[in-house]
C-alpha atoms as a PDB file:
ATOM      1  CA  MET A   1       6.272  -3.080  12.300  1.00  0.00           C
ATOM      2  CA  ASN A   2       7.220   0.508  11.561  1.00  0.00           C
ATOM      3  CA  MET A   3       6.564   1.484   7.803  1.00  0.00           C
ATOM      4  CA  ASN A   4      10.085   2.575   8.232  1.00  0.00           C
ATOM      5  CA  ASP A   5      11.382  -0.720   8.616  1.00  0.00           C
ATOM      6  CA  MET A   6       9.838  -2.050   5.471  1.00  0.00           C
ATOM      7  CA  PRO A   7      12.306  -2.260   2.825  1.00  0.00           C
ATOM      8  CA  ASP A   8      12.100   0.466  -0.094  1.00  0.00           C
ATOM      9  CA  LEU A   9      11.271  -1.748  -3.114  1.00  0.00           C
ATOM     10  CA  ALA A  10      12.845   0.500  -5.646  1.00  0.00           C
ATOM     11  CA  MET A  11      16.380   0.373  -3.986  1.00  0.00           C
ATOM     12  CA  THR A  12      16.125  -3.843  -3.681  1.00  0.00           C
ATOM     13  CA  PRO A  13      18.216  -5.828  -5.868  1.00  0.00           C
ATOM     14  CA  ASN A  14      16.505  -8.134  -8.263  1.00  0.00           C
ATOM     15  CA  THR A  15      13.034  -6.381  -8.557  1.00  0.00           C
ATOM     16  CA  THR A  16      11.464  -4.607 -11.604  1.00  0.00           C
ATOM     17  CA  THR A  17      10.164  -1.919  -9.533  1.00  0.00           C
ATOM     18  CA  THR A  18      11.339   1.270 -10.542  1.00  0.00           C
ATOM     19  CA  ARG A  19      11.025   5.109  -9.428  1.00  0.00           C
ATOM     20  CA  HIS A  20       9.870   7.338 -12.166  1.00  0.00           C
ATOM     21  CA  GLN A  21      10.913  10.815 -12.324  1.00  0.00           C
ATOM     22  CA  ARG A  22       7.883  13.494 -12.153  1.00  0.00           C
ATOM     23  CA  VAL A  23       7.246  14.941 -15.335  1.00  0.00           C
ATOM     24  CA  ASP A  24       4.647  17.492 -14.650  1.00  0.00           C
ATOM     25  CA  GLY A  25       3.927  19.725 -11.644  1.00  0.00           C
ATOM     26  CA  ARG A  26       0.203  18.627 -12.374  1.00  0.00           C
ATOM     27  CA  THR A  27       0.570  15.480 -10.114  1.00  0.00           C
ATOM     28  CA  SER A  28       2.651  17.036  -7.776  1.00  0.00           C
ATOM     29  CA  ASP A  29      -0.202  19.753  -7.064  1.00  0.00           C
ATOM     30  CA  LEU A  30      -2.871  17.040  -7.070  1.00  0.00           C
ATOM     31  CA  VAL A  31      -1.077  14.863  -4.595  1.00  0.00           C
ATOM     32  CA  ASN A  32      -0.451  18.221  -2.324  1.00  0.00           C
ATOM     33  CA  GLN A  33      -4.016  18.876  -2.696  1.00  0.00           C
ATOM     34  CA  ALA A  34      -5.132  15.394  -1.555  1.00  0.00           C
ATOM     35  CA  ILE A  35      -2.798  15.466   1.419  1.00  0.00           C
ATOM     36  CA  ALA A  36      -4.065  18.583   2.485  1.00  0.00           C
ATOM     37  CA  SER A  37      -7.703  17.550   2.338  1.00  0.00           C
ATOM     38  CA  ILE A  38      -7.164  14.283   4.848  1.00  0.00           C
ATOM     39  CA  PRO A  39      -7.860  15.827   7.779  1.00  0.00           C
ATOM     40  CA  THR A  40     -10.907  17.132   6.810  1.00  0.00           C
ATOM     41  CA  LEU A  41     -12.022  14.518   4.243  1.00  0.00           C
ATOM     42  CA  GLY A  42     -10.132  11.588   5.123  1.00  0.00           C
ATOM     43  CA  LEU A  43      -7.868   9.217   3.549  1.00  0.00           C
ATOM     44  CA  GLN A  44     -10.706   7.211   1.575  1.00  0.00           C
ATOM     45  CA  ARG A  45     -11.882  10.566  -0.229  1.00  0.00           C
ATOM     46  CA  ALA A  46      -8.303  11.787  -0.802  1.00  0.00           C
ATOM     47  CA  ALA A  47      -7.499   8.417  -2.619  1.00  0.00           C
ATOM     48  CA  GLU A  48     -10.765   8.674  -4.605  1.00  0.00           C
ATOM     49  CA  PHE A  49      -9.895  12.317  -5.845  1.00  0.00           C
ATOM     50  CA  LEU A  50      -6.375  11.254  -7.019  1.00  0.00           C
ATOM     51  CA  ALA A  51      -8.047   8.005  -8.909  1.00  0.00           C
ATOM     52  CA  THR A  52     -10.731  10.305 -10.379  1.00  0.00           C
ATOM     53  CA  MET A  53      -7.620  12.548 -11.431  1.00  0.00           C
ATOM     54  CA  ASN A  54      -5.549   9.692 -12.931  1.00  0.00           C
ATOM     55  CA  VAL A  55      -2.997   9.740 -10.648  1.00  0.00           C
ATOM     56  CA  PRO A  56      -1.125   6.226 -10.922  1.00  0.00           C
ATOM     57  CA  ALA A  57      -2.194   4.068  -7.973  1.00  0.00           C
ATOM     58  CA  GLU A  58       1.598   3.495  -6.694  1.00  0.00           C
ATOM     59  CA  VAL A  59       2.152   7.416  -6.557  1.00  0.00           C
ATOM     60  CA  ALA A  60      -1.176   7.603  -4.528  1.00  0.00           C
ATOM     61  CA  VAL A  61      -0.532   4.978  -2.111  1.00  0.00           C
ATOM     62  CA  ARG A  62       3.145   5.935  -1.725  1.00  0.00           C
ATOM     63  CA  ALA A  63       1.982   9.405  -1.006  1.00  0.00           C
ATOM     64  CA  LEU A  64      -1.179   8.691   1.150  1.00  0.00           C
ATOM     65  CA  VAL A  65      -0.297   5.885   3.152  1.00  0.00           C
ATOM     66  CA  TYR A  66       3.854   6.277   3.594  1.00  0.00           C
ATOM     67  CA  PRO A  67       4.442   9.853   4.064  1.00  0.00           C
ATOM     68  CA  ALA A  68       7.990   9.076   4.303  1.00  0.00           C
ATOM     69  CA  ARG A  69       8.416   7.782   1.023  1.00  0.00           C
ATOM     70  CA  ARG A  70       7.271  10.993  -0.663  1.00  0.00           C
ATOM     71  CA  ARG A  71       9.666  12.825  -2.800  1.00  0.00           C
ATOM     72  CA  ALA A  72      11.099  16.344  -1.919  1.00  0.00           C
ATOM     73  CA  HIS A  73      10.143  19.083  -3.826  1.00  0.00           C
END
């Protein structure tokens, strides 16, 4: 199964999952830093960084594991 074949839960009817509008540039900057660090530090360390910086887990997973679901700037 390709990750693009997975349904986008935010767009599936009858779910309680909603997308949240980014309210600050801080989260965006942190996610970008984590993504940039993956080639040198690895996915685990990037995820740990985001957790330490209090980035919501659902945001971190979407950004690190599902790049097609990242938001445009």
